[in-house]
Amino acid sequence: MKMVTAIIKPFKLDDVRQALSDIGVQGVTVSEVKGFGRQKGHTELYRGAEYVVDFLPKVKMELAIDDGLLDQVIEAITSKANTGKIGDGKIFVTEIEQAIRIRTGESGPEAL
């Protein structure tokens, strides 16, 4: 089992969610987050004053998936979240040692 964490632009969330649903991903946790990468924010003009926006709004998606879906999930996220511009985001993949469904007590891949 793998935990896929993707940081993407907020306006790409619906496209990515639909692509994941189409390949059979059943559960996704989404959080609104702020951060910066290489772009280190940007400057904006407000009422004639220029100011720096250090932390940009992003969406963090977390998916616990079976190992067999990993390549499809990565392809779905990268194809739908890509704008070709700086700040498109990152995908992190980590191993899950154990998963347990609280309601039924199922564990392992059955819990997903």
PDB file of N, CA and C in Angstrom:
ATOM      1  N   MET A   1       0.838  -1.173   0.000  1.00  0.00           N
ATOM      2  CA  MET A   1       0.000   0.000   0.000  1.00  0.00           C
ATOM      3  C   MET A   1       0.882   1.235   0.000  1.00  0.00           C
ATOM      4  N   LYS A   2       0.397   2.273  -0.655  1.00  0.00           N
ATOM      5  CA  LYS A   2       1.139   3.518  -0.765  1.00  0.00           C
ATOM      6  C   LYS A   2       0.267   4.687  -0.326  1.00  0.00           C
ATOM      7  N   MET A   3       0.939   5.723   0.193  1.00  0.00           N
ATOM      8  CA  MET A   3       0.287   6.996   0.477  1.00  0.00           C
ATOM      9  C   MET A   3       0.821   7.981  -0.545  1.00  0.00           C
ATOM     10  N   VAL A   4      -0.074   8.514  -1.360  1.00  0.00           N
ATOM     11  CA  VAL A   4       0.293   9.513  -2.364  1.00  0.00           C
ATOM     12  C   VAL A   4      -0.176  10.867  -1.852  1.00  0.00           C
ATOM     13  N   THR A   5       0.750  11.800  -1.741  1.00  0.00           N
ATOM     14  CA  THR A   5       0.435  13.166  -1.332  1.00  0.00           C
ATOM     15  C   THR A   5       0.768  14.068  -2.502  1.00  0.00           C
ATOM     16  N   ALA A   6      -0.224  14.816  -2.960  1.00  0.00           N
ATOM     17  CA  ALA A   6      -0.025  15.722  -4.095  1.00  0.00           C
ATOM     18  C   ALA A   6      -0.361  17.143  -3.666  1.00  0.00           C
ATOM     19  N   ILE A   7       0.528  18.065  -3.991  1.00  0.00           N
ATOM     20  CA  ILE A   7       0.297  19.490  -3.766  1.00  0.00           C
ATOM     21  C   ILE A   7       0.051  20.101  -5.141  1.00  0.00           C
ATOM     22  N   ILE A   8      -1.155  20.645  -5.353  1.00  0.00           N
ATOM     23  CA  ILE A   8      -1.518  21.147  -6.675  1.00  0.00           C
ATOM     24  C   ILE A   8      -2.156  22.535  -6.559  1.00  0.00           C
ATOM     25  N   LYS A   9      -2.356  23.165  -7.708  1.00  0.00           N
ATOM     26  CA  LYS A   9      -3.049  24.449  -7.751  1.00  0.00           C
ATOM     27  C   LYS A   9      -4.537  24.218  -7.487  1.00  0.00           C
ATOM     28  N   PRO A  10      -5.165  25.102  -6.724  1.00  0.00           N
ATOM     29  CA  PRO A  10      -6.570  24.894  -6.332  1.00  0.00           C
ATOM     30  C   PRO A  10      -7.542  24.725  -7.495  1.00  0.00           C
ATOM     31  N   PHE A  11      -7.360  25.453  -8.582  1.00  0.00           N
ATOM     32  CA  PHE A  11      -8.322  25.371  -9.682  1.00  0.00           C
ATOM     33  C   PHE A  11      -8.220  24.070 -10.470  1.00  0.00           C
ATOM     34  N   LYS A  12      -7.214  23.251 -10.185  1.00  0.00           N
ATOM     35  CA  LYS A  12      -7.059  21.951 -10.844  1.00  0.00           C
ATOM     36  C   LYS A  12      -7.686  20.811 -10.049  1.00  0.00           C
ATOM     37  N   LEU A  13      -8.209  21.102  -8.867  1.00  0.00           N
ATOM     38  CA  LEU A  13      -8.721  20.057  -7.979  1.00  0.00           C
ATOM     39  C   LEU A  13      -9.819  19.213  -8.628  1.00  0.00           C
ATOM     40  N   ASP A  14     -10.816  19.833  -9.222  1.00  0.00           N
ATOM     41  CA  ASP A  14     -11.924  19.076  -9.805  1.00  0.00           C
ATOM     42  C   ASP A  14     -11.468  18.163 -10.935  1.00  0.00           C
ATOM     43  N   ASP A  15     -10.559  18.640 -11.781  1.00  0.00           N
ATOM     44  CA  ASP A  15     -10.052  17.814 -12.883  1.00  0.00           C
ATOM     45  C   ASP A  15      -9.296  16.596 -12.355  1.00  0.00           C
ATOM     46  N   VAL A  16      -8.450  16.819 -11.346  1.00  0.00           N
ATOM     47  CA  VAL A  16      -7.669  15.723 -10.773  1.00  0.00           C
ATOM     48  C   VAL A  16      -8.590  14.737 -10.058  1.00  0.00           C
ATOM     49  N   ARG A  17      -9.547  15.235  -9.287  1.00  0.00           N
ATOM     50  CA  ARG A  17     -10.477  14.357  -8.580  1.00  0.00           C
ATOM     51  C   ARG A  17     -11.259  13.481  -9.549  1.00  0.00           C
ATOM     52  N   GLN A  18     -11.719  14.057 -10.663  1.00  0.00           N
ATOM     53  CA  GLN A  18     -12.461  13.287 -11.655  1.00  0.00           C
ATOM     54  C   GLN A  18     -11.583  12.217 -12.301  1.00  0.00           C
ATOM     55  N   ALA A  19     -10.334  12.562 -12.615  1.00  0.00           N
ATOM     56  CA  ALA A  19      -9.417  11.593 -13.219  1.00  0.00           C
ATOM     57  C   ALA A  19      -9.130  10.439 -12.266  1.00  0.00           C
ATOM     58  N   LEU A  20      -8.988  10.747 -10.978  1.00  0.00           N
ATOM     59  CA  LEU A  20      -8.750   9.691  -9.989  1.00  0.00           C
ATOM     60  C   LEU A  20      -9.982   8.807  -9.837  1.00  0.00           C
ATOM     61  N   SER A  21     -11.139   9.414  -9.847  1.00  0.00           N
ATOM     62  CA  SER A  21     -12.386   8.649  -9.756  1.00  0.00           C
ATOM     63  C   SER A  21     -12.526   7.714 -10.951  1.00  0.00           C
ATOM     64  N   ASP A  22     -12.145   8.174 -12.133  1.00  0.00           N
ATOM     65  CA  ASP A  22     -12.251   7.378 -13.357  1.00  0.00           C
ATOM     66  C   ASP A  22     -11.379   6.130 -13.330  1.00  0.00           C
ATOM     67  N   ILE A  23     -10.266   6.164 -12.587  1.00  0.00           N
ATOM     68  CA  ILE A  23      -9.395   4.982 -12.529  1.00  0.00           C
ATOM     69  C   ILE A  23      -9.678   4.109 -11.308  1.00  0.00           C
ATOM     70  N   GLY A  24     -10.682   4.481 -10.513  1.00  0.00           N
ATOM     71  CA  GLY A  24     -11.103   3.617  -9.421  1.00  0.00           C
ATOM     72  C   GLY A  24     -10.627   3.992  -8.043  1.00  0.00           C
ATOM     73  N   VAL A  25     -10.054   5.187  -7.869  1.00  0.00           N
ATOM     74  CA  VAL A  25      -9.653   5.636  -6.534  1.00  0.00           C
ATOM     75  C   VAL A  25     -10.922   6.008  -5.776  1.00  0.00           C
ATOM     76  N   GLN A  26     -11.102   5.415  -4.595  1.00  0.00           N
ATOM     77  CA  GLN A  26     -12.361   5.582  -3.874  1.00  0.00           C
ATOM     78  C   GLN A  26     -12.319   6.641  -2.788  1.00  0.00           C
ATOM     79  N   GLY A  27     -11.161   6.958  -2.256  1.00  0.00           N
ATOM     80  CA  GLY A  27     -11.101   7.916  -1.167  1.00  0.00           C
ATOM     81  C   GLY A  27      -9.959   8.893  -1.314  1.00  0.00           C
ATOM     82  N   VAL A  28     -10.255  10.158  -1.083  1.00  0.00           N
ATOM     83  CA  VAL A  28      -9.252  11.211  -1.160  1.00  0.00           C
ATOM     84  C   VAL A  28      -9.500  12.182  -0.012  1.00  0.00           C
ATOM     85  N   THR A  29      -8.447  12.603   0.653  1.00  0.00           N
ATOM     86  CA  THR A  29      -8.545  13.649   1.664  1.00  0.00           C
ATOM     87  C   THR A  29      -7.935  14.909   1.071  1.00  0.00           C
ATOM     88  N   VAL A  30      -8.653  16.019   1.175  1.00  0.00           N
ATOM     89  CA  VAL A  30      -8.207  17.273   0.582  1.00  0.00           C
ATOM     90  C   VAL A  30      -8.111  18.340   1.669  1.00  0.00           C
ATOM     91  N   SER A  31      -7.006  19.078   1.668  1.00  0.00           N
ATOM     92  CA  SER A  31      -6.807  20.185   2.603  1.00  0.00           C
ATOM     93  C   SER A  31      -6.377  21.419   1.823  1.00  0.00           C
ATOM     94  N   GLU A  32      -6.868  22.576   2.250  1.00  0.00           N
ATOM     95  CA  GLU A  32      -6.377  23.825   1.688  1.00  0.00           C
ATOM     96  C   GLU A  32      -5.136  24.211   2.472  1.00  0.00           C
ATOM     97  N   VAL A  33      -4.037  24.412   1.763  1.00  0.00           N
ATOM     98  CA  VAL A  33      -2.765  24.732   2.404  1.00  0.00           C
ATOM     99  C   VAL A  33      -2.145  25.950   1.726  1.00  0.00           C
ATOM    100  N   LYS A  34      -1.095  26.483   2.336  1.00  0.00           N
ATOM    101  CA  LYS A  34      -0.331  27.568   1.737  1.00  0.00           C
ATOM    102  C   LYS A  34       1.136  27.183   1.772  1.00  0.00           C
ATOM    103  N   GLY A  35       1.868  27.602   0.764  1.00  0.00           N
ATOM    104  CA  GLY A  35       3.285  27.291   0.746  1.00  0.00           C
ATOM    105  C   GLY A  35       3.980  27.949  -0.423  1.00  0.00           C
ATOM    106  N   PHE A  36       5.261  27.649  -0.553  1.00  0.00           N
ATOM    107  CA  PHE A  36       6.022  28.141  -1.696  1.00  0.00           C
ATOM    108  C   PHE A  36       7.124  27.158  -2.005  1.00  0.00           C
ATOM    109  N   GLY A  37       7.562  27.197  -3.237  1.00  0.00           N
ATOM    110  CA  GLY A  37       8.666  26.364  -3.692  1.00  0.00           C
ATOM    111  C   GLY A  37       9.722  27.260  -4.296  1.00  0.00           C
ATOM    112  N   ARG A  38      10.185  26.898  -5.470  1.00  0.00           N
ATOM    113  CA  ARG A  38      11.225  27.681  -6.137  1.00  0.00           C
ATOM    114  C   ARG A  38      10.771  29.083  -6.486  1.00  0.00           C
ATOM    115  N   GLN A  39       9.467  29.246  -6.722  1.00  0.00           N
ATOM    116  CA  GLN A  39       8.981  30.564  -7.138  1.00  0.00           C
ATOM    117  C   GLN A  39       9.018  31.587  -6.005  1.00  0.00           C
ATOM    118  N   LYS A  40       9.036  31.123  -4.765  1.00  0.00           N
ATOM    119  CA  LYS A  40       9.154  31.979  -3.587  1.00  0.00           C
ATOM    120  C   LYS A  40       8.127  33.108  -3.549  1.00  0.00           C
ATOM    121  N   GLY A  41       6.894  32.789  -3.926  1.00  0.00           N
ATOM    122  CA  GLY A  41       5.829  33.779  -3.873  1.00  0.00           C
ATOM    123  C   GLY A  41       5.901  34.761  -5.032  1.00  0.00           C
ATOM    124  N   HIS A  42       5.168  35.855  -4.907  1.00  0.00           N
ATOM    125  CA  HIS A  42       5.157  36.884  -5.939  1.00  0.00           C
ATOM    126  C   HIS A  42       4.712  38.208  -5.332  1.00  0.00           C
ATOM    127  N   THR A  43       4.853  39.275  -6.104  1.00  0.00           N
ATOM    128  CA  THR A  43       4.422  40.581  -5.622  1.00  0.00           C
ATOM    129  C   THR A  43       3.076  40.938  -6.243  1.00  0.00           C
ATOM    130  N   GLU A  44       2.245  41.631  -5.487  1.00  0.00           N
ATOM    131  CA  GLU A  44       0.944  42.088  -5.962  1.00  0.00           C
ATOM    132  C   GLU A  44       0.808  43.568  -5.670  1.00  0.00           C
ATOM    133  N   LEU A  45      -0.078  44.201  -6.413  1.00  0.00           N
ATOM    134  CA  LEU A  45      -0.352  45.616  -6.229  1.00  0.00           C
ATOM    135  C   LEU A  45      -1.747  45.755  -5.641  1.00  0.00           C
ATOM    136  N   TYR A  46      -1.874  46.443  -4.505  1.00  0.00           N
ATOM    137  CA  TYR A  46      -3.164  46.653  -3.868  1.00  0.00           C
ATOM    138  C   TYR A  46      -3.290  48.109  -3.463  1.00  0.00           C
ATOM    139  N   ARG A  47      -4.245  48.813  -4.060  1.00  0.00           N
ATOM    140  CA  ARG A  47      -4.475  50.236  -3.787  1.00  0.00           C
ATOM    141  C   ARG A  47      -3.195  51.061  -3.911  1.00  0.00           C
ATOM    142  N   GLY A  48      -2.453  50.750  -4.944  1.00  0.00           N
ATOM    143  CA  GLY A  48      -1.242  51.508  -5.224  1.00  0.00           C
ATOM    144  C   GLY A  48      -0.013  51.081  -4.459  1.00  0.00           C
ATOM    145  N   ALA A  49      -0.178  50.177  -3.501  1.00  0.00           N
ATOM    146  CA  ALA A  49       0.970  49.710  -2.714  1.00  0.00           C
ATOM    147  C   ALA A  49       1.364  48.307  -3.177  1.00  0.00           C
ATOM    148  N   GLU A  50       2.639  48.093  -3.331  1.00  0.00           N
ATOM    149  CA  GLU A  50       3.143  46.791  -3.731  1.00  0.00           C
ATOM    150  C   GLU A  50       3.502  45.988  -2.488  1.00  0.00           C
ATOM    151  N   TYR A  51       3.092  44.739  -2.462  1.00  0.00           N
ATOM    152  CA  TYR A  51       3.457  43.890  -1.332  1.00  0.00           C
ATOM    153  C   TYR A  51       3.754  42.478  -1.813  1.00  0.00           C
ATOM    154  N   VAL A  52       4.499  41.739  -1.010  1.00  0.00           N
ATOM    155  CA  VAL A  52       4.953  40.392  -1.372  1.00  0.00           C
ATOM    156  C   VAL A  52       4.023  39.360  -0.759  1.00  0.00           C
ATOM    157  N   VAL A  53       3.573  38.439  -1.598  1.00  0.00           N
ATOM    158  CA  VAL A  53       2.787  37.301  -1.127  1.00  0.00           C
ATOM    159  C   VAL A  53       3.758  36.124  -1.036  1.00  0.00           C
ATOM    160  N   ASP A  54       4.174  35.794   0.192  1.00  0.00           N
ATOM    161  CA  ASP A  54       5.170  34.737   0.377  1.00  0.00           C
ATOM    162  C   ASP A  54       4.578  33.342   0.222  1.00  0.00           C
ATOM    163  N   PHE A  55       3.404  33.130   0.797  1.00  0.00           N
ATOM    164  CA  PHE A  55       2.795  31.812   0.775  1.00  0.00           C
ATOM    165  C   PHE A  55       1.613  31.819  -0.176  1.00  0.00           C
ATOM    166  N   LEU A  56       1.667  30.939  -1.172  1.00  0.00           N
ATOM    167  CA  LEU A  56       0.628  30.862  -2.177  1.00  0.00           C
ATOM    168  C   LEU A  56      -0.379  29.774  -1.817  1.00  0.00           C
ATOM    169  N   PRO A  57      -1.657  29.983  -2.135  1.00  0.00           N
ATOM    170  CA  PRO A  57      -2.663  28.959  -1.830  1.00  0.00           C
ATOM    171  C   PRO A  57      -2.475  27.731  -2.715  1.00  0.00           C
ATOM    172  N   LYS A  58      -2.537  26.576  -2.093  1.00  0.00           N
ATOM    173  CA  LYS A  58      -2.423  25.291  -2.794  1.00  0.00           C
ATOM    174  C   LYS A  58      -3.451  24.334  -2.207  1.00  0.00           C
ATOM    175  N   VAL A  59      -3.601  23.181  -2.830  1.00  0.00           N
ATOM    176  CA  VAL A  59      -4.461  22.118  -2.329  1.00  0.00           C
ATOM    177  C   VAL A  59      -3.588  20.889  -2.114  1.00  0.00           C
ATOM    178  N   LYS A  60      -3.739  20.275  -0.950  1.00  0.00           N
ATOM    179  CA  LYS A  60      -2.996  19.053  -0.626  1.00  0.00           C
ATOM    180  C   LYS A  60      -3.974  17.890  -0.687  1.00  0.00           C
ATOM    181  N   MET A  61      -3.690  16.925  -1.559  1.00  0.00           N
ATOM    182  CA  MET A  61      -4.511  15.727  -1.695  1.00  0.00           C
ATOM    183  C   MET A  61      -3.736  14.542  -1.122  1.00  0.00           C
ATOM    184  N   GLU A  62      -4.417  13.737  -0.323  1.00  0.00           N
ATOM    185  CA  GLU A  62      -3.793  12.538   0.236  1.00  0.00           C
ATOM    186  C   GLU A  62      -4.643  11.334  -0.148  1.00  0.00           C
ATOM    187  N   LEU A  63      -3.990  10.298  -0.697  1.00  0.00           N
ATOM    188  CA  LEU A  63      -4.680   9.103  -1.152  1.00  0.00           C
ATOM    189  C   LEU A  63      -3.948   7.875  -0.655  1.00  0.00           C
ATOM    190  N   ALA A  64      -4.644   6.985  -0.011  1.00  0.00           N
ATOM    191  CA  ALA A  64      -4.088   5.686   0.349  1.00  0.00           C
ATOM    192  C   ALA A  64      -4.553   4.709  -0.720  1.00  0.00           C
ATOM    193  N   ILE A  65      -3.595   4.096  -1.425  1.00  0.00           N
ATOM    194  CA  ILE A  65      -3.953   3.249  -2.566  1.00  0.00           C
ATOM    195  C   ILE A  65      -3.207   1.913  -2.509  1.00  0.00           C
ATOM    196  N   ASP A  66      -3.715   0.964  -3.265  1.00  0.00           N
ATOM    197  CA  ASP A  66      -3.049  -0.322  -3.446  1.00  0.00           C
ATOM    198  C   ASP A  66      -1.861  -0.122  -4.382  1.00  0.00           C
ATOM    199  N   ASP A  67      -0.814  -0.893  -4.200  1.00  0.00           N
ATOM    200  CA  ASP A  67       0.402  -0.745  -5.001  1.00  0.00           C
ATOM    201  C   ASP A  67       0.136  -0.784  -6.506  1.00  0.00           C
ATOM    202  N   GLY A  68      -0.827  -1.589  -6.933  1.00  0.00           N
ATOM    203  CA  GLY A  68      -1.105  -1.746  -8.358  1.00  0.00           C
ATOM    204  C   GLY A  68      -1.636  -0.495  -9.035  1.00  0.00           C
ATOM    205  N   LEU A  69      -2.172   0.420  -8.287  1.00  0.00           N
ATOM    206  CA  LEU A  69      -2.732   1.650  -8.861  1.00  0.00           C
ATOM    207  C   LEU A  69      -1.730   2.796  -8.943  1.00  0.00           C
ATOM    208  N   LEU A  70      -0.541   2.614  -8.403  1.00  0.00           N
ATOM    209  CA  LEU A  70       0.395   3.730  -8.246  1.00  0.00           C
ATOM    210  C   LEU A  70       0.706   4.439  -9.558  1.00  0.00           C
ATOM    211  N   ASP A  71       1.094   3.700 -10.588  1.00  0.00           N
ATOM    212  CA  ASP A  71       1.461   4.338 -11.856  1.00  0.00           C
ATOM    213  C   ASP A  71       0.290   5.093 -12.468  1.00  0.00           C
ATOM    214  N   GLN A  72      -0.914   4.511 -12.391  1.00  0.00           N
ATOM    215  CA  GLN A  72      -2.104   5.171 -12.939  1.00  0.00           C
ATOM    216  C   GLN A  72      -2.427   6.448 -12.170  1.00  0.00           C
ATOM    217  N   VAL A  73      -2.284   6.412 -10.847  1.00  0.00           N
ATOM    218  CA  VAL A  73      -2.563   7.585 -10.019  1.00  0.00           C
ATOM    219  C   VAL A  73      -1.582   8.708 -10.339  1.00  0.00           C
ATOM    220  N   ILE A  74      -0.304   8.385 -10.435  1.00  0.00           N
ATOM    221  CA  ILE A  74       0.700   9.402 -10.756  1.00  0.00           C
ATOM    222  C   ILE A  74       0.424  10.002 -12.130  1.00  0.00           C
ATOM    223  N   GLU A  75       0.104   9.163 -13.095  1.00  0.00           N
ATOM    224  CA  GLU A  75      -0.198   9.660 -14.448  1.00  0.00           C
ATOM    225  C   GLU A  75      -1.438  10.547 -14.442  1.00  0.00           C
ATOM    226  N   ALA A  76      -2.479  10.156 -13.714  1.00  0.00           N
ATOM    227  CA  ALA A  76      -3.709  10.953 -13.650  1.00  0.00           C
ATOM    228  C   ALA A  76      -3.439  12.323 -13.039  1.00  0.00           C
ATOM    229  N   ILE A  77      -2.689  12.346 -11.945  1.00  0.00           N
ATOM    230  CA  ILE A  77      -2.413  13.620 -11.281  1.00  0.00           C
ATOM    231  C   ILE A  77      -1.538  14.511 -12.153  1.00  0.00           C
ATOM    232  N   THR A  78      -0.463  13.957 -12.704  1.00  0.00           N
ATOM    233  CA  THR A  78       0.447  14.786 -13.493  1.00  0.00           C
ATOM    234  C   THR A  78      -0.222  15.306 -14.760  1.00  0.00           C
ATOM    235  N   SER A  79      -1.048  14.498 -15.401  1.00  0.00           N
ATOM    236  CA  SER A  79      -1.675  14.961 -16.641  1.00  0.00           C
ATOM    237  C   SER A  79      -2.737  16.027 -16.388  1.00  0.00           C
ATOM    238  N   LYS A  80      -3.495  15.891 -15.315  1.00  0.00           N
ATOM    239  CA  LYS A  80      -4.585  16.832 -15.056  1.00  0.00           C
ATOM    240  C   LYS A  80      -4.145  18.080 -14.281  1.00  0.00           C
ATOM    241  N   ALA A  81      -3.087  18.004 -13.490  1.00  0.00           N
ATOM    242  CA  ALA A  81      -2.643  19.159 -12.699  1.00  0.00           C
ATOM    243  C   ALA A  81      -1.628  20.023 -13.438  1.00  0.00           C
ATOM    244  N   ASN A  82      -1.137  19.547 -14.572  1.00  0.00           N
ATOM    245  CA  ASN A  82      -0.090  20.247 -15.304  1.00  0.00           C
ATOM    246  C   ASN A  82      -0.648  21.444 -16.077  1.00  0.00           C
ATOM    247  N   THR A  83      -0.077  22.626 -15.831  1.00  0.00           N
ATOM    248  CA  THR A  83      -0.408  23.814 -16.619  1.00  0.00           C
ATOM    249  C   THR A  83       0.790  24.241 -17.463  1.00  0.00           C
ATOM    250  N   GLY A  84       1.946  23.669 -17.159  1.00  0.00           N
ATOM    251  CA  GLY A  84       3.156  24.038 -17.868  1.00  0.00           C
ATOM    252  C   GLY A  84       3.820  25.278 -17.297  1.00  0.00           C
ATOM    253  N   LYS A  85       3.263  25.807 -16.218  1.00  0.00           N
ATOM    254  CA  LYS A  85       3.813  27.008 -15.603  1.00  0.00           C
ATOM    255  C   LYS A  85       4.402  26.666 -14.242  1.00  0.00           C
ATOM    256  N   ILE A  86       5.249  27.554 -13.747  1.00  0.00           N
ATOM    257  CA  ILE A  86       5.876  27.341 -12.451  1.00  0.00           C
ATOM    258  C   ILE A  86       4.801  27.254 -11.361  1.00  0.00           C
ATOM    259  N   GLY A  87       5.020  26.386 -10.380  1.00  0.00           N
ATOM    260  CA  GLY A  87       4.084  26.258  -9.271  1.00  0.00           C
ATOM    261  C   GLY A  87       3.019  25.205  -9.467  1.00  0.00           C
ATOM    262  N   ASP A  88       3.185  24.313 -10.456  1.00  0.00           N
ATOM    263  CA  ASP A  88       2.189  23.259 -10.687  1.00  0.00           C
ATOM    264  C   ASP A  88       2.098  22.289  -9.521  1.00  0.00           C
ATOM    265  N   GLY A  89       3.174  22.109  -8.773  1.00  0.00           N
ATOM    266  CA  GLY A  89       3.100  21.285  -7.572  1.00  0.00           C
ATOM    267  C   GLY A  89       4.058  20.121  -7.559  1.00  0.00           C
ATOM    268  N   LYS A  90       3.822  19.230  -6.592  1.00  0.00           N
ATOM    269  CA  LYS A  90       4.685  18.064  -6.375  1.00  0.00           C
ATOM    270  C   LYS A  90       3.823  16.871  -5.996  1.00  0.00           C
ATOM    271  N   ILE A  91       4.376  15.671  -6.207  1.00  0.00           N
ATOM    272  CA  ILE A  91       3.751  14.422  -5.768  1.00  0.00           C
ATOM    273  C   ILE A  91       4.783  13.692  -4.918  1.00  0.00           C
ATOM    274  N   PHE A  92       4.353  13.233  -3.742  1.00  0.00           N
ATOM    275  CA  PHE A  92       5.208  12.453  -2.854  1.00  0.00           C
ATOM    276  C   PHE A  92       4.561  11.094  -2.646  1.00  0.00           C
ATOM    277  N   VAL A  93       5.366  10.027  -2.694  1.00  0.00           N
ATOM    278  CA  VAL A  93       4.865   8.667  -2.500  1.00  0.00           C
ATOM    279  C   VAL A  93       5.602   8.047  -1.323  1.00  0.00           C
ATOM    280  N   THR A  94       4.837   7.543  -0.350  1.00  0.00           N
ATOM    281  CA  THR A  94       5.427   6.879   0.805  1.00  0.00           C
ATOM    282  C   THR A  94       4.753   5.528   1.016  1.00  0.00           C
ATOM    283  N   GLU A  95       5.431   4.657   1.713  1.00  0.00           N
ATOM    284  CA  GLU A  95       4.923   3.320   2.017  1.00  0.00           C
ATOM    285  C   GLU A  95       3.999   3.385   3.230  1.00  0.00           C
ATOM    286  N   ILE A  96       2.913   2.633   3.174  1.00  0.00           N
ATOM    287  CA  ILE A  96       2.013   2.495   4.322  1.00  0.00           C
ATOM    288  C   ILE A  96       2.259   1.122   4.933  1.00  0.00           C
ATOM    289  N   GLU A  97       2.595   1.095   6.209  1.00  0.00           N
ATOM    290  CA  GLU A  97       2.845  -0.173   6.878  1.00  0.00           C
ATOM    291  C   GLU A  97       1.554  -0.920   7.166  1.00  0.00           C
ATOM    292  N   GLN A  98       0.544  -0.195   7.604  1.00  0.00           N
ATOM    293  CA  GLN A  98      -0.701  -0.851   7.970  1.00  0.00           C
ATOM    294  C   GLN A  98      -1.856   0.129   7.829  1.00  0.00           C
ATOM    295  N   ALA A  99      -3.023  -0.390   7.431  1.00  0.00           N
ATOM    296  CA  ALA A  99      -4.247   0.403   7.364  1.00  0.00           C
ATOM    297  C   ALA A  99      -5.359  -0.413   8.011  1.00  0.00           C
ATOM    298  N   ILE A 100      -6.199   0.246   8.787  1.00  0.00           N
ATOM    299  CA  ILE A 100      -7.292  -0.443   9.492  1.00  0.00           C
ATOM    300  C   ILE A 100      -8.562   0.376   9.330  1.00  0.00           C
ATOM    301  N   ARG A 101      -9.626  -0.267   8.893  1.00  0.00           N
ATOM    302  CA  ARG A 101     -10.922   0.393   8.818  1.00  0.00           C
ATOM    303  C   ARG A 101     -11.560   0.304  10.198  1.00  0.00           C
ATOM    304  N   ILE A 102     -11.835   1.433  10.803  1.00  0.00           N
ATOM    305  CA  ILE A 102     -12.333   1.476  12.175  1.00  0.00           C
ATOM    306  C   ILE A 102     -13.683   0.774  12.309  1.00  0.00           C
ATOM    307  N   ARG A 103     -14.599   1.021  11.390  1.00  0.00           N
ATOM    308  CA  ARG A 103     -15.965   0.477  11.499  1.00  0.00           C
ATOM    309  C   ARG A 103     -15.983  -1.045  11.508  1.00  0.00           C
ATOM    310  N   THR A 104     -15.216  -1.690  10.610  1.00  0.00           N
ATOM    311  CA  THR A 104     -15.297  -3.145  10.463  1.00  0.00           C
ATOM    312  C   THR A 104     -14.107  -3.902  11.039  1.00  0.00           C
ATOM    313  N   GLY A 105     -13.011  -3.201  11.280  1.00  0.00           N
ATOM    314  CA  GLY A 105     -11.809  -3.852  11.762  1.00  0.00           C
ATOM    315  C   GLY A 105     -10.968  -4.470  10.669  1.00  0.00           C
ATOM    316  N   GLU A 106     -11.390  -4.305   9.395  1.00  0.00           N
ATOM    317  CA  GLU A 106     -10.604  -4.833   8.278  1.00  0.00           C
ATOM    318  C   GLU A 106      -9.235  -4.170   8.279  1.00  0.00           C
ATOM    319  N   SER A 107      -8.224  -4.911   7.819  1.00  0.00           N
ATOM    320  CA  SER A 107      -6.885  -4.351   7.766  1.00  0.00           C
ATOM    321  C   SER A 107      -6.230  -4.690   6.432  1.00  0.00           C
ATOM    322  N   GLY A 108      -5.140  -3.977   6.152  1.00  0.00           N
ATOM    323  CA  GLY A 108      -4.435  -4.169   4.896  1.00  0.00           C
ATOM    324  C   GLY A 108      -5.195  -3.567   3.724  1.00  0.00           C
ATOM    325  N   PRO A 109      -4.974  -4.103   2.526  1.00  0.00           N
ATOM    326  CA  PRO A 109      -5.633  -3.562   1.324  1.00  0.00           C
ATOM    327  C   PRO A 109      -7.170  -3.566   1.401  1.00  0.00           C
ATOM    328  N   GLU A 110      -7.735  -4.503   2.165  1.00  0.00           N
ATOM    329  CA  GLU A 110      -9.202  -4.554   2.311  1.00  0.00           C
ATOM    330  C   GLU A 110      -9.732  -3.310   3.029  1.00  0.00           C
ATOM    331  N   ALA A 111      -8.907  -2.681   3.840  1.00  0.00           N
ATOM    332  CA  ALA A 111      -9.323  -1.484   4.574  1.00  0.00           C
ATOM    333  C   ALA A 111      -9.414  -0.247   3.681  1.00  0.00           C
ATOM    334  N   LEU A 112      -8.767  -0.318   2.524  1.00  0.00           N
ATOM    335  CA  LEU A 112      -8.780   0.827   1.626  1.00  0.00           C
ATOM    336  C   LEU A 112     -10.106   0.894   0.904  1.00  0.00           C
TER     337      LEU A 112
END
